[in-house]
């Protein structure tokens, strides 16, 4: 676990810092779903407690109600700070940077900031978990588990930051396709180049490369790259896809 001095590094170029709560715009249910997707897809996050930050790699999971479970060694400095902060509203800050899961320019899609209240994880919460969530908890490092209940959520997708209502966030569920987006995009690029070429011809026939950069239940985003820049185009599916098996049919429909 890497500890860092007080203060946060400057954000990557192309995305403004996350705004404070009062300046953020109100959100929609779709923003809540996006926030849940960012957390579920992330392999790492940054934990801030006072003036101490720690990068947690493969050390978090998300419960069905949106509670974030952190695996932090109780004997570490960060673990000690969590003990001191438990029960205090907004004392824990979590930052997640959402990157496009493909090798392209301008990979930063969004930033998510959560201020929350930490408590020791209650094993009774497992009763409300689906098998996939239980497996994600079992995959965490074998150290102390902490549950962070979000008090304030801000999603920044390079436009205006939005303050996501905690109740809407808790009721939301991650997009069924976006959770496994990286695997789907890799499969498309590796095995279905002909489909991408045909779709790309509809998007930009003069592009040097067409890359699928985003995917969810309602559509796919293709990036048309040129020497001087790129353009992202979203192609909506005829109907939402509910499982990976329906993705091929949705893409075939786009071609027709």
Protein backbone atom coordinates (compact mmCIF):
# COMPACT_ATOMS: atom_id res chain seq x y z
CA UNK A 1 0.00 0.00 0.00
CA UNK A 2 1.59 3.26 -1.08
CA UNK A 3 1.22 6.22 1.28
CA UNK A 4 1.44 9.76 -0.02
CA UNK A 5 2.03 13.13 1.63
CA UNK A 6 -0.77 15.56 2.25
CA UNK A 7 -2.41 17.09 -0.76
CA UNK A 8 -3.59 15.60 -4.01
CA UNK A 9 -1.70 15.62 -7.31
CA UNK A 10 -2.92 17.79 -10.15
CA UNK A 11 -5.52 16.01 -12.30
CA UNK A 12 -4.50 14.78 -15.75
CA UNK A 13 -4.88 17.26 -18.58
CA UNK A 14 -8.26 17.46 -20.18
CA UNK A 15 -10.42 17.15 -17.06
CA UNK A 16 -11.12 19.85 -14.52
CA UNK A 17 -10.86 19.14 -10.78
CA UNK A 18 -14.00 17.88 -9.07
CA UNK A 19 -15.98 20.79 -7.73
CA UNK A 20 -17.04 21.17 -4.13
CA UNK A 21 -20.56 20.12 -3.18
CA UNK A 22 -22.48 23.43 -3.46
CA UNK A 23 -21.14 24.19 -6.95
CA UNK A 24 -22.03 20.78 -8.39
CA UNK A 25 -25.22 20.44 -10.42
CA UNK A 26 -28.03 18.11 -9.37
CA UNK A 27 -27.93 14.67 -10.96
CA UNK A 28 -30.25 12.27 -12.76
CA UNK A 29 -30.80 8.54 -12.11
CA UNK A 30 -28.46 7.85 -15.03
CA UNK A 31 -25.68 9.69 -13.18
CA UNK A 32 -26.25 7.41 -10.19
CA UNK A 33 -25.91 4.35 -12.44
CA UNK A 34 -22.71 5.83 -13.90
CA UNK A 35 -21.29 6.35 -10.41
CA UNK A 36 -22.04 2.73 -9.51
CA UNK A 37 -20.40 1.56 -12.76
CA UNK A 38 -17.26 3.62 -12.06
CA UNK A 39 -16.89 2.00 -8.64
CA UNK A 40 -17.65 -1.53 -9.82
CA UNK A 41 -15.24 -1.37 -12.76
CA UNK A 42 -12.36 0.30 -10.89
CA UNK A 43 -9.38 -1.83 -9.89
CA UNK A 44 -8.03 0.86 -7.55
CA UNK A 45 -9.08 3.93 -5.62
CA UNK A 46 -7.50 6.58 -3.46
CA UNK A 47 -8.40 6.76 0.21
CA UNK A 48 -7.88 10.04 2.07
CA UNK A 49 -8.09 10.42 5.84
CA UNK A 50 -7.17 13.87 7.05
CA UNK A 51 -3.79 14.71 5.54
CA UNK A 52 -2.89 11.09 4.69
CA UNK A 53 -3.70 9.35 1.42
CA UNK A 54 -3.30 5.73 0.39
CA UNK A 55 -3.78 4.08 -3.00
CA UNK A 56 -5.71 0.83 -2.60
CA UNK A 57 -5.13 -1.68 -5.40
CA UNK A 58 -7.63 -4.55 -5.78
CA UNK A 59 -8.73 -3.83 -2.22
CA UNK A 60 -12.34 -2.75 -2.50
CA UNK A 61 -15.76 -4.19 -3.32
CA UNK A 62 -19.23 -2.69 -3.64
CA UNK A 63 -22.29 -4.10 -1.87
CA UNK A 64 -25.74 -4.15 -3.54
CA UNK A 65 -26.78 -1.04 -1.59
CA UNK A 66 -23.72 0.90 -2.80
CA UNK A 67 -21.69 0.59 0.41
CA UNK A 68 -17.98 0.40 -0.40
CA UNK A 69 -16.01 -2.27 1.45
CA UNK A 70 -12.29 -1.56 1.92
CA UNK A 71 -9.61 -4.06 2.89
CA UNK A 72 -7.06 -2.19 5.03
CA UNK A 73 -4.48 -3.67 7.39
CA UNK A 74 -5.56 -2.69 10.91
CA UNK A 75 -1.90 -2.48 11.98
CA UNK A 76 -0.99 0.09 9.31
CA UNK A 77 -1.14 3.87 9.74
CA UNK A 78 -4.14 3.98 7.42
CA UNK A 79 -5.89 1.31 9.47
CA UNK A 80 -5.28 3.30 12.63
CA UNK A 81 -6.73 6.41 11.03
CA UNK A 82 -9.82 4.46 9.99
CA UNK A 83 -10.30 3.38 13.60
CA UNK A 84 -10.08 7.01 14.70
CA UNK A 85 -12.48 8.18 11.96
CA UNK A 86 -15.15 5.49 12.32
CA UNK A 87 -18.66 6.78 12.79
CA UNK A 88 -17.79 10.34 11.72
CA UNK A 89 -19.91 11.57 8.82
CA UNK A 90 -17.87 12.51 5.76
CA UNK A 91 -14.53 11.75 7.44
CA UNK A 92 -13.47 9.29 4.73
CA UNK A 93 -12.78 10.46 1.18
CA UNK A 94 -12.58 8.09 -1.78
CA UNK A 95 -11.42 9.19 -5.24
CA UNK A 96 -11.72 7.04 -8.34
CA UNK A 97 -10.45 7.88 -11.83
CA UNK A 98 -12.38 6.11 -14.56
CA UNK A 99 -10.26 5.25 -17.62
CA UNK A 100 -11.26 3.89 -21.00
CA UNK A 101 -10.22 0.20 -20.92
CA UNK A 102 -8.42 0.42 -24.28
CA UNK A 103 -5.12 1.91 -25.40
CA UNK A 104 -6.14 5.28 -26.84
CA UNK A 105 -5.39 8.95 -26.29
CA UNK A 106 -7.45 10.90 -23.73
CA UNK A 107 -8.35 7.85 -21.67
CA UNK A 108 -9.78 9.69 -18.66
CA UNK A 109 -13.57 9.45 -18.79
CA UNK A 110 -14.64 10.60 -15.37
CA UNK A 111 -13.71 11.18 -11.76
CA UNK A 112 -15.78 10.13 -8.81
CA UNK A 113 -15.42 11.61 -5.33
CA UNK A 114 -17.17 10.15 -2.31
CA UNK A 115 -17.22 11.46 1.24
CA UNK A 116 -18.49 8.80 3.59
CA UNK A 117 -18.76 7.32 7.06
CA UNK A 118 -16.60 4.31 7.92
CA UNK A 119 -17.55 1.44 10.18
CA UNK A 120 -16.20 -2.05 10.69
CA UNK A 121 -17.72 -4.43 8.16
CA UNK A 122 -20.62 -6.43 9.59
CA UNK A 123 -20.61 -10.04 8.28
CA UNK A 124 -24.41 -9.99 8.54
CA UNK A 125 -24.37 -7.83 5.39
CA UNK A 126 -23.53 -10.99 3.44
CA UNK A 127 -27.15 -12.10 3.81
CA UNK A 128 -28.20 -9.37 1.36
CA UNK A 129 -25.41 -10.07 -1.15
CA UNK A 130 -25.69 -11.95 -4.43
CA UNK A 131 -23.11 -14.68 -5.22
CA UNK A 132 -21.01 -12.35 -7.40
CA UNK A 133 -20.71 -9.81 -4.57
CA UNK A 134 -19.79 -12.54 -2.10
CA UNK A 135 -17.02 -13.71 -4.45
CA UNK A 136 -15.71 -10.14 -4.81
CA UNK A 137 -15.51 -9.90 -1.01
CA UNK A 138 -13.68 -13.23 -0.80
CA UNK A 139 -11.16 -11.94 -3.34
CA UNK A 140 -10.15 -9.02 -1.10
CA UNK A 141 -6.84 -9.18 0.79
CA UNK A 142 -7.11 -11.09 4.10
CA UNK A 143 -6.98 -8.02 6.33
CA UNK A 144 -9.56 -5.98 8.27
CA UNK A 145 -12.67 -5.00 6.29
CA UNK A 146 -14.29 -1.58 6.58
CA UNK A 147 -17.68 -0.49 5.22
CA UNK A 148 -17.94 3.10 3.93
CA UNK A 149 -21.49 4.47 3.57
CA UNK A 150 -21.51 7.42 1.11
CA UNK A 151 -22.71 10.77 2.50
CA UNK A 152 -21.75 12.91 -0.51
CA UNK A 153 -21.11 11.80 -4.09
CA UNK A 154 -19.78 13.97 -6.91
CA UNK A 155 -19.36 12.67 -10.47
CA UNK A 156 -17.23 14.70 -12.90
CA UNK A 157 -17.35 13.64 -16.55
CA UNK A 158 -15.33 16.60 -17.94
CA UNK A 159 -18.42 18.77 -18.28
CA UNK A 160 -20.12 20.16 -15.18
CA UNK A 161 -19.71 18.04 -12.04
CA UNK A 162 -22.95 16.61 -10.68
CA UNK A 163 -23.86 15.91 -7.05
CA UNK A 164 -25.46 12.46 -7.02
CA UNK A 165 -28.26 12.02 -4.51
CA UNK A 166 -27.16 9.31 -2.02
CA UNK A 167 -30.63 7.73 -2.00
CA UNK A 168 -30.70 7.51 -5.80
CA UNK A 169 -27.16 6.10 -5.72
CA UNK A 170 -28.15 3.38 -3.24
CA UNK A 171 -31.17 2.39 -5.35
CA UNK A 172 -29.18 2.29 -8.62
CA UNK A 173 -27.61 -0.84 -10.07
CA UNK A 174 -24.52 -0.98 -12.30
CA UNK A 175 -25.13 -1.31 -16.01
CA UNK A 176 -25.18 -5.09 -16.77
CA UNK A 177 -22.84 -4.71 -19.76
CA UNK A 178 -20.60 -1.88 -18.59
CA UNK A 179 -19.44 -3.90 -15.56
CA UNK A 180 -17.64 -6.31 -17.93
CA UNK A 181 -16.94 -3.61 -20.51
CA UNK A 182 -13.18 -4.20 -20.74
CA UNK A 183 -13.61 -7.89 -21.58
CA UNK A 184 -16.32 -7.16 -24.17
CA UNK A 185 -14.25 -4.45 -25.90
CA UNK A 186 -11.16 -6.67 -25.96
CA UNK A 187 -13.19 -9.48 -27.53
CA UNK A 188 -14.65 -7.14 -30.15
CA UNK A 189 -11.21 -5.80 -31.10
CA UNK A 190 -9.59 -9.24 -31.18
CA UNK A 191 -12.29 -11.32 -32.86
CA UNK A 192 -14.66 -9.01 -34.69
CA UNK A 193 -12.53 -6.54 -36.61
CA UNK A 194 -14.75 -6.96 -39.66
CA UNK A 195 -17.79 -5.79 -37.70
CA UNK A 196 -15.88 -2.79 -36.38
CA UNK A 197 -14.70 -1.90 -39.89
CA UNK A 198 -18.26 -1.95 -41.21
CA UNK A 199 -19.54 0.12 -38.30
CA UNK A 200 -16.59 2.46 -38.65
CA UNK A 201 -17.43 3.10 -42.28
CA UNK A 202 -20.73 4.53 -41.08
CA UNK A 203 -18.97 6.74 -38.53
CA UNK A 204 -15.98 8.10 -40.47
CA UNK A 205 -14.80 6.52 -43.71
CA UNK A 206 -11.59 8.59 -43.68
CA UNK A 207 -10.33 7.55 -40.24
CA UNK A 208 -6.96 5.85 -39.89
CA UNK A 209 -8.29 3.60 -37.10
CA UNK A 210 -11.66 2.78 -35.56
CA UNK A 211 -11.55 1.75 -31.89
CA UNK A 212 -14.45 0.75 -29.62
CA UNK A 213 -13.87 2.85 -26.50
CA UNK A 214 -17.09 2.48 -24.50
CA UNK A 215 -19.93 0.01 -24.18
CA UNK A 216 -23.06 -0.23 -22.08
CA UNK A 217 -26.49 -1.81 -22.27
CA UNK A 218 -27.83 0.94 -24.52
CA UNK A 219 -25.07 1.45 -27.07
CA UNK A 220 -21.45 1.44 -28.17
CA UNK A 221 -19.03 4.35 -28.65
CA UNK A 222 -16.57 4.18 -31.55
CA UNK A 223 -13.54 6.43 -31.77
CA UNK A 224 -12.41 7.50 -35.23
CA UNK A 225 -8.71 8.37 -35.01
CA UNK A 226 -6.82 10.64 -37.39
CA UNK A 227 -3.27 12.05 -37.24
CA UNK A 228 -4.60 15.36 -35.94
CA UNK A 229 -7.15 14.13 -33.42
CA UNK A 230 -10.16 11.92 -32.92
CA UNK A 231 -13.96 11.90 -32.82
CA UNK A 232 -16.17 9.76 -30.58
CA UNK A 233 -19.55 8.65 -31.95
CA UNK A 234 -22.20 6.81 -29.97
CA UNK A 235 -24.32 4.23 -31.81
CA UNK A 236 -27.45 3.36 -29.78
CA UNK A 237 -28.81 -0.18 -29.78
CA UNK A 238 -32.36 -0.82 -30.94
CA UNK A 239 -33.18 -2.07 -27.44
CA UNK A 240 -31.19 -2.37 -24.20
CA UNK A 241 -28.94 -5.42 -23.90
CA UNK A 242 -29.41 -7.33 -20.66
CA UNK A 243 -26.60 -9.88 -20.95
CA UNK A 244 -23.41 -10.48 -22.89
CA UNK A 245 -25.16 -13.07 -25.07
CA UNK A 246 -27.40 -10.35 -26.51
CA UNK A 247 -24.53 -8.09 -27.49
CA UNK A 248 -23.75 -9.87 -30.78
CA UNK A 249 -27.37 -9.55 -31.89
CA UNK A 250 -27.40 -5.86 -30.95
CA UNK A 251 -24.29 -5.25 -33.08
CA UNK A 252 -25.74 -7.18 -36.01
CA UNK A 253 -28.84 -5.02 -35.80
CA UNK A 254 -26.68 -1.91 -36.01
CA UNK A 255 -25.19 -3.21 -39.25
CA UNK A 256 -28.60 -3.61 -40.83
